[in-house]
Amino acid sequence: MKLKLNVTNKSIEKYIKVCKFSAAKCDSLEEVVYKITRGVELGKTIMRFAGGFRIIRYHNVNFTLKCNEVIDINVDKKNNEVPITERLKRMHYNKHYKVMV
């Protein structure tokens, strides 16, 4: 799914807070934004609500969106993960950065 995603500073701060290990591997805020974008694009929509709200799950991270703006990020270890393969992540990276393979 390719969409124009709005990632706010609040969303970036929340990702850094709840996904400390993943964020620590990033060298810049742009890499954090990429990880948020990848999570939303590769994740699975698990709930939809009126008003354009939806929750997208990527592994055990839930991204709450309203009209393509990330408004909340949280980790949910109680429910099943949505598995994402390394191959799929690599393909997304290559497409996003237009890497020639």
N, C-alpha and C. Protein backbone atom coordinates (compact mmCIF):
# COMPACT_ATOMS: atom_id res chain seq x y z
N MET A 1 0.85 -1.16 0.00
CA MET A 1 0.00 0.00 0.00
C MET A 1 0.90 1.23 0.00
N LYS A 2 0.70 2.10 -0.96
CA LYS A 2 1.48 3.34 -1.05
C LYS A 2 0.54 4.49 -0.80
N LEU A 3 0.81 5.27 0.23
CA LEU A 3 -0.04 6.38 0.57
C LEU A 3 0.82 7.54 1.04
N LYS A 4 0.24 8.73 0.97
CA LYS A 4 0.92 9.92 1.48
C LYS A 4 0.69 9.95 2.97
N LEU A 5 1.69 9.56 3.72
CA LEU A 5 1.59 9.42 5.16
C LEU A 5 2.15 10.66 5.85
N ASN A 6 1.42 11.18 6.81
CA ASN A 6 1.88 12.33 7.59
C ASN A 6 2.43 11.81 8.91
N VAL A 7 3.74 11.95 9.10
CA VAL A 7 4.39 11.53 10.33
C VAL A 7 4.80 12.80 11.07
N THR A 8 4.16 13.06 12.20
CA THR A 8 4.42 14.28 12.96
C THR A 8 5.59 14.09 13.93
N ASN A 9 6.09 15.20 14.46
CA ASN A 9 7.15 15.12 15.47
C ASN A 9 6.68 14.34 16.69
N LYS A 10 5.41 14.49 17.04
CA LYS A 10 4.86 13.74 18.18
C LYS A 10 4.92 12.24 17.91
N SER A 11 4.63 11.83 16.67
CA SER A 11 4.70 10.42 16.30
C SER A 11 6.13 9.90 16.37
N ILE A 12 7.07 10.71 15.92
CA ILE A 12 8.48 10.32 15.98
C ILE A 12 8.91 10.13 17.43
N GLU A 13 8.56 11.08 18.28
CA GLU A 13 8.91 10.98 19.70
C GLU A 13 8.29 9.74 20.34
N LYS A 14 7.04 9.44 19.99
CA LYS A 14 6.36 8.26 20.54
C LYS A 14 7.05 6.98 20.07
N TYR A 15 7.45 6.92 18.80
CA TYR A 15 8.14 5.73 18.29
C TYR A 15 9.47 5.54 19.03
N ILE A 16 10.21 6.61 19.22
CA ILE A 16 11.48 6.52 19.93
C ILE A 16 11.26 6.03 21.36
N LYS A 17 10.17 6.43 21.97
CA LYS A 17 9.86 6.04 23.35
C LYS A 17 9.44 4.58 23.45
N VAL A 18 8.55 4.12 22.58
CA VAL A 18 8.01 2.77 22.71
C VAL A 18 8.81 1.71 21.95
N CYS A 19 9.61 2.12 20.98
CA CYS A 19 10.43 1.18 20.20
C CYS A 19 11.90 1.57 20.36
N LYS A 20 12.36 1.57 21.58
CA LYS A 20 13.70 2.06 21.91
C LYS A 20 14.80 1.32 21.15
N PHE A 21 14.72 -0.01 21.11
CA PHE A 21 15.77 -0.79 20.47
C PHE A 21 15.84 -0.50 18.97
N SER A 22 14.68 -0.46 18.32
CA SER A 22 14.63 -0.17 16.89
C SER A 22 15.12 1.24 16.60
N ALA A 23 14.66 2.20 17.38
CA ALA A 23 15.05 3.60 17.17
C ALA A 23 16.54 3.81 17.43
N ALA A 24 17.11 3.04 18.36
CA ALA A 24 18.53 3.19 18.68
C ALA A 24 19.43 2.81 17.50
N LYS A 25 18.91 1.99 16.59
CA LYS A 25 19.69 1.58 15.42
C LYS A 25 19.69 2.64 14.33
N CYS A 26 18.89 3.69 14.50
CA CYS A 26 18.77 4.74 13.48
C CYS A 26 19.83 5.82 13.70
N ASP A 27 20.40 6.29 12.60
CA ASP A 27 21.41 7.35 12.66
C ASP A 27 20.81 8.74 12.53
N SER A 28 19.53 8.81 12.14
CA SER A 28 18.89 10.12 11.93
C SER A 28 17.38 9.99 12.14
N LEU A 29 16.75 11.14 12.26
CA LEU A 29 15.29 11.14 12.37
C LEU A 29 14.64 10.66 11.08
N GLU A 30 15.29 10.88 9.95
CA GLU A 30 14.75 10.40 8.68
C GLU A 30 14.64 8.87 8.68
N GLU A 31 15.59 8.21 9.32
CA GLU A 31 15.52 6.75 9.41
C GLU A 31 14.36 6.32 10.32
N VAL A 32 14.10 7.07 11.37
CA VAL A 32 12.95 6.78 12.23
C VAL A 32 11.65 6.95 11.44
N VAL A 33 11.57 8.03 10.67
CA VAL A 33 10.38 8.25 9.83
C VAL A 33 10.23 7.11 8.84
N TYR A 34 11.33 6.63 8.26
CA TYR A 34 11.26 5.50 7.34
C TYR A 34 10.70 4.27 8.04
N LYS A 35 11.15 4.00 9.26
CA LYS A 35 10.67 2.82 9.98
C LYS A 35 9.18 2.93 10.29
N ILE A 36 8.72 4.12 10.62
CA ILE A 36 7.29 4.32 10.85
C ILE A 36 6.52 4.08 9.55
N THR A 37 7.02 4.66 8.47
CA THR A 37 6.38 4.51 7.16
C THR A 37 6.35 3.04 6.75
N ARG A 38 7.46 2.35 6.93
CA ARG A 38 7.53 0.93 6.58
C ARG A 38 6.52 0.13 7.40
N GLY A 39 6.42 0.43 8.68
CA GLY A 39 5.46 -0.27 9.53
C GLY A 39 4.04 -0.10 9.06
N VAL A 40 3.70 1.12 8.66
CA VAL A 40 2.34 1.38 8.18
C VAL A 40 2.11 0.73 6.82
N GLU A 41 3.08 0.82 5.92
CA GLU A 41 2.90 0.28 4.57
C GLU A 41 2.91 -1.24 4.53
N LEU A 42 3.72 -1.89 5.38
CA LEU A 42 3.80 -3.35 5.36
C LEU A 42 2.88 -4.01 6.37
N GLY A 43 2.40 -3.25 7.32
CA GLY A 43 1.54 -3.81 8.36
C GLY A 43 0.16 -4.17 7.84
N LYS A 44 -0.60 -4.77 8.72
CA LYS A 44 -1.95 -5.23 8.38
C LYS A 44 -2.97 -4.39 9.16
N THR A 45 -3.99 -3.92 8.46
CA THR A 45 -5.07 -3.20 9.14
C THR A 45 -5.85 -4.20 9.97
N ILE A 46 -5.89 -3.95 11.29
CA ILE A 46 -6.59 -4.89 12.16
C ILE A 46 -7.93 -4.34 12.64
N MET A 47 -8.11 -3.01 12.57
CA MET A 47 -9.39 -2.41 12.96
C MET A 47 -9.62 -1.14 12.16
N ARG A 48 -10.88 -0.89 11.85
CA ARG A 48 -11.30 0.35 11.21
C ARG A 48 -12.42 0.95 12.05
N PHE A 49 -12.42 2.27 12.13
CA PHE A 49 -13.44 2.98 12.90
C PHE A 49 -14.01 4.10 12.05
N ALA A 50 -15.16 4.60 12.45
CA ALA A 50 -15.76 5.74 11.76
C ALA A 50 -14.84 6.95 11.87
N GLY A 51 -14.93 7.83 10.91
CA GLY A 51 -14.14 9.06 10.94
C GLY A 51 -12.74 8.90 10.37
N GLY A 52 -12.48 7.80 9.67
CA GLY A 52 -11.18 7.62 9.05
C GLY A 52 -10.11 7.06 9.96
N PHE A 53 -10.48 6.57 11.14
CA PHE A 53 -9.51 5.97 12.06
C PHE A 53 -9.27 4.52 11.69
N ARG A 54 -8.04 4.07 11.87
CA ARG A 54 -7.72 2.66 11.70
C ARG A 54 -6.47 2.32 12.48
N ILE A 55 -6.33 1.07 12.81
CA ILE A 55 -5.14 0.58 13.52
C ILE A 55 -4.44 -0.40 12.59
N ILE A 56 -3.16 -0.17 12.38
CA ILE A 56 -2.33 -1.04 11.54
C ILE A 56 -1.30 -1.69 12.45
N ARG A 57 -1.19 -3.01 12.34
CA ARG A 57 -0.27 -3.77 13.20
C ARG A 57 0.92 -4.25 12.38
N TYR A 58 2.12 -4.00 12.90
CA TYR A 58 3.38 -4.42 12.28
C TYR A 58 4.18 -5.11 13.38
N HIS A 59 4.39 -6.41 13.25
CA HIS A 59 4.93 -7.24 14.34
C HIS A 59 4.03 -7.06 15.55
N ASN A 60 4.53 -6.45 16.63
CA ASN A 60 3.68 -6.22 17.81
C ASN A 60 3.47 -4.73 18.08
N VAL A 61 3.67 -3.92 17.05
CA VAL A 61 3.50 -2.46 17.16
C VAL A 61 2.21 -2.07 16.46
N ASN A 62 1.38 -1.31 17.16
CA ASN A 62 0.15 -0.79 16.58
C ASN A 62 0.31 0.68 16.24
N PHE A 63 0.01 1.01 15.00
CA PHE A 63 0.01 2.40 14.52
C PHE A 63 -1.44 2.82 14.37
N THR A 64 -1.84 3.87 15.08
CA THR A 64 -3.19 4.40 14.94
C THR A 64 -3.14 5.57 13.98
N LEU A 65 -3.96 5.50 12.94
CA LEU A 65 -3.99 6.54 11.92
C LEU A 65 -5.37 7.18 11.86
N LYS A 66 -5.37 8.45 11.57
CA LYS A 66 -6.60 9.17 11.25
C LYS A 66 -6.33 9.92 9.96
N CYS A 67 -7.03 9.53 8.91
CA CYS A 67 -6.86 10.18 7.60
C CYS A 67 -5.39 10.25 7.19
N ASN A 68 -4.69 9.13 7.28
CA ASN A 68 -3.29 8.98 6.87
C ASN A 68 -2.30 9.81 7.69
N GLU A 69 -2.69 10.18 8.90
CA GLU A 69 -1.76 10.81 9.85
C GLU A 69 -1.58 9.87 11.03
N VAL A 70 -0.34 9.56 11.35
CA VAL A 70 -0.05 8.71 12.50
C VAL A 70 -0.32 9.53 13.76
N ILE A 71 -1.31 9.08 14.55
CA ILE A 71 -1.66 9.85 15.75
C ILE A 71 -1.24 9.13 17.03
N ASP A 72 -0.94 7.83 16.94
CA ASP A 72 -0.48 7.11 18.13
C ASP A 72 0.29 5.87 17.70
N ILE A 73 1.22 5.48 18.56
CA ILE A 73 2.02 4.27 18.34
C ILE A 73 2.13 3.59 19.70
N ASN A 74 1.83 2.29 19.73
CA ASN A 74 2.02 1.55 20.98
C ASN A 74 2.38 0.11 20.70
N VAL A 75 2.99 -0.52 21.68
CA VAL A 75 3.37 -1.93 21.59
C VAL A 75 2.31 -2.74 22.30
N ASP A 76 1.87 -3.81 21.63
CA ASP A 76 0.84 -4.69 22.18
C ASP A 76 1.38 -6.11 22.16
N LYS A 77 1.81 -6.59 23.32
CA LYS A 77 2.37 -7.95 23.39
C LYS A 77 1.33 -8.98 23.78
N LYS A 78 0.08 -8.55 24.01
CA LYS A 78 -0.99 -9.48 24.41
C LYS A 78 -1.58 -10.21 23.21
N ASN A 79 -1.62 -9.55 22.07
CA ASN A 79 -2.22 -10.14 20.87
C ASN A 79 -1.14 -10.69 19.95
N ASN A 80 -1.56 -11.50 19.00
CA ASN A 80 -0.62 -12.13 18.07
C ASN A 80 0.10 -11.08 17.22
N GLU A 81 1.37 -11.36 16.95
CA GLU A 81 2.15 -10.51 16.05
C GLU A 81 1.66 -10.68 14.62
N VAL A 82 1.87 -9.63 13.83
CA VAL A 82 1.70 -9.73 12.39
C VAL A 82 3.12 -9.91 11.84
N PRO A 83 3.46 -11.13 11.42
CA PRO A 83 4.84 -11.38 10.99
C PRO A 83 5.17 -10.70 9.67
N ILE A 84 6.35 -10.12 9.62
CA ILE A 84 6.86 -9.47 8.41
C ILE A 84 8.24 -10.09 8.14
N THR A 85 8.42 -10.67 6.98
CA THR A 85 9.68 -11.34 6.68
C THR A 85 10.79 -10.33 6.36
N GLU A 86 12.01 -10.76 6.57
CA GLU A 86 13.16 -9.93 6.23
C GLU A 86 13.20 -9.66 4.73
N ARG A 87 12.76 -10.62 3.95
CA ARG A 87 12.72 -10.46 2.49
C ARG A 87 11.77 -9.32 2.10
N LEU A 88 10.61 -9.29 2.72
CA LEU A 88 9.63 -8.24 2.44
C LEU A 88 10.18 -6.88 2.87
N LYS A 89 10.84 -6.82 4.02
CA LYS A 89 11.43 -5.56 4.47
C LYS A 89 12.53 -5.10 3.51
N ARG A 90 13.34 -6.05 3.03
CA ARG A 90 14.41 -5.71 2.08
C ARG A 90 13.83 -5.20 0.76
N MET A 91 12.76 -5.83 0.28
CA MET A 91 12.12 -5.38 -0.95
C MET A 91 11.55 -3.97 -0.78
N HIS A 92 10.96 -3.70 0.37
CA HIS A 92 10.42 -2.37 0.64
C HIS A 92 11.54 -1.34 0.67
N TYR A 93 12.65 -1.68 1.32
CA TYR A 93 13.80 -0.78 1.39
C TYR A 93 14.31 -0.46 -0.02
N ASN A 94 14.47 -1.49 -0.84
CA ASN A 94 14.97 -1.29 -2.20
C ASN A 94 14.03 -0.40 -3.01
N LYS A 95 12.73 -0.61 -2.86
CA LYS A 95 11.75 0.19 -3.59
C LYS A 95 11.74 1.64 -3.06
N HIS A 96 11.76 1.78 -1.75
CA HIS A 96 11.71 3.10 -1.14
C HIS A 96 12.92 3.96 -1.52
N TYR A 97 14.10 3.35 -1.46
CA TYR A 97 15.33 4.07 -1.78
C TYR A 97 15.77 3.89 -3.23
N LYS A 98 14.92 3.21 -4.02
CA LYS A 98 15.18 2.98 -5.45
C LYS A 98 16.56 2.37 -5.69
N VAL A 99 16.84 1.31 -4.92
CA VAL A 99 18.10 0.60 -5.04
C VAL A 99 18.03 -0.33 -6.24
N MET A 100 19.06 -0.33 -7.04
CA MET A 100 19.13 -1.20 -8.21
C MET A 100 19.67 -2.55 -7.75
N VAL A 101 18.92 -3.61 -8.05
CA VAL A 101 19.37 -4.96 -7.69
C VAL A 101 19.46 -5.82 -8.92
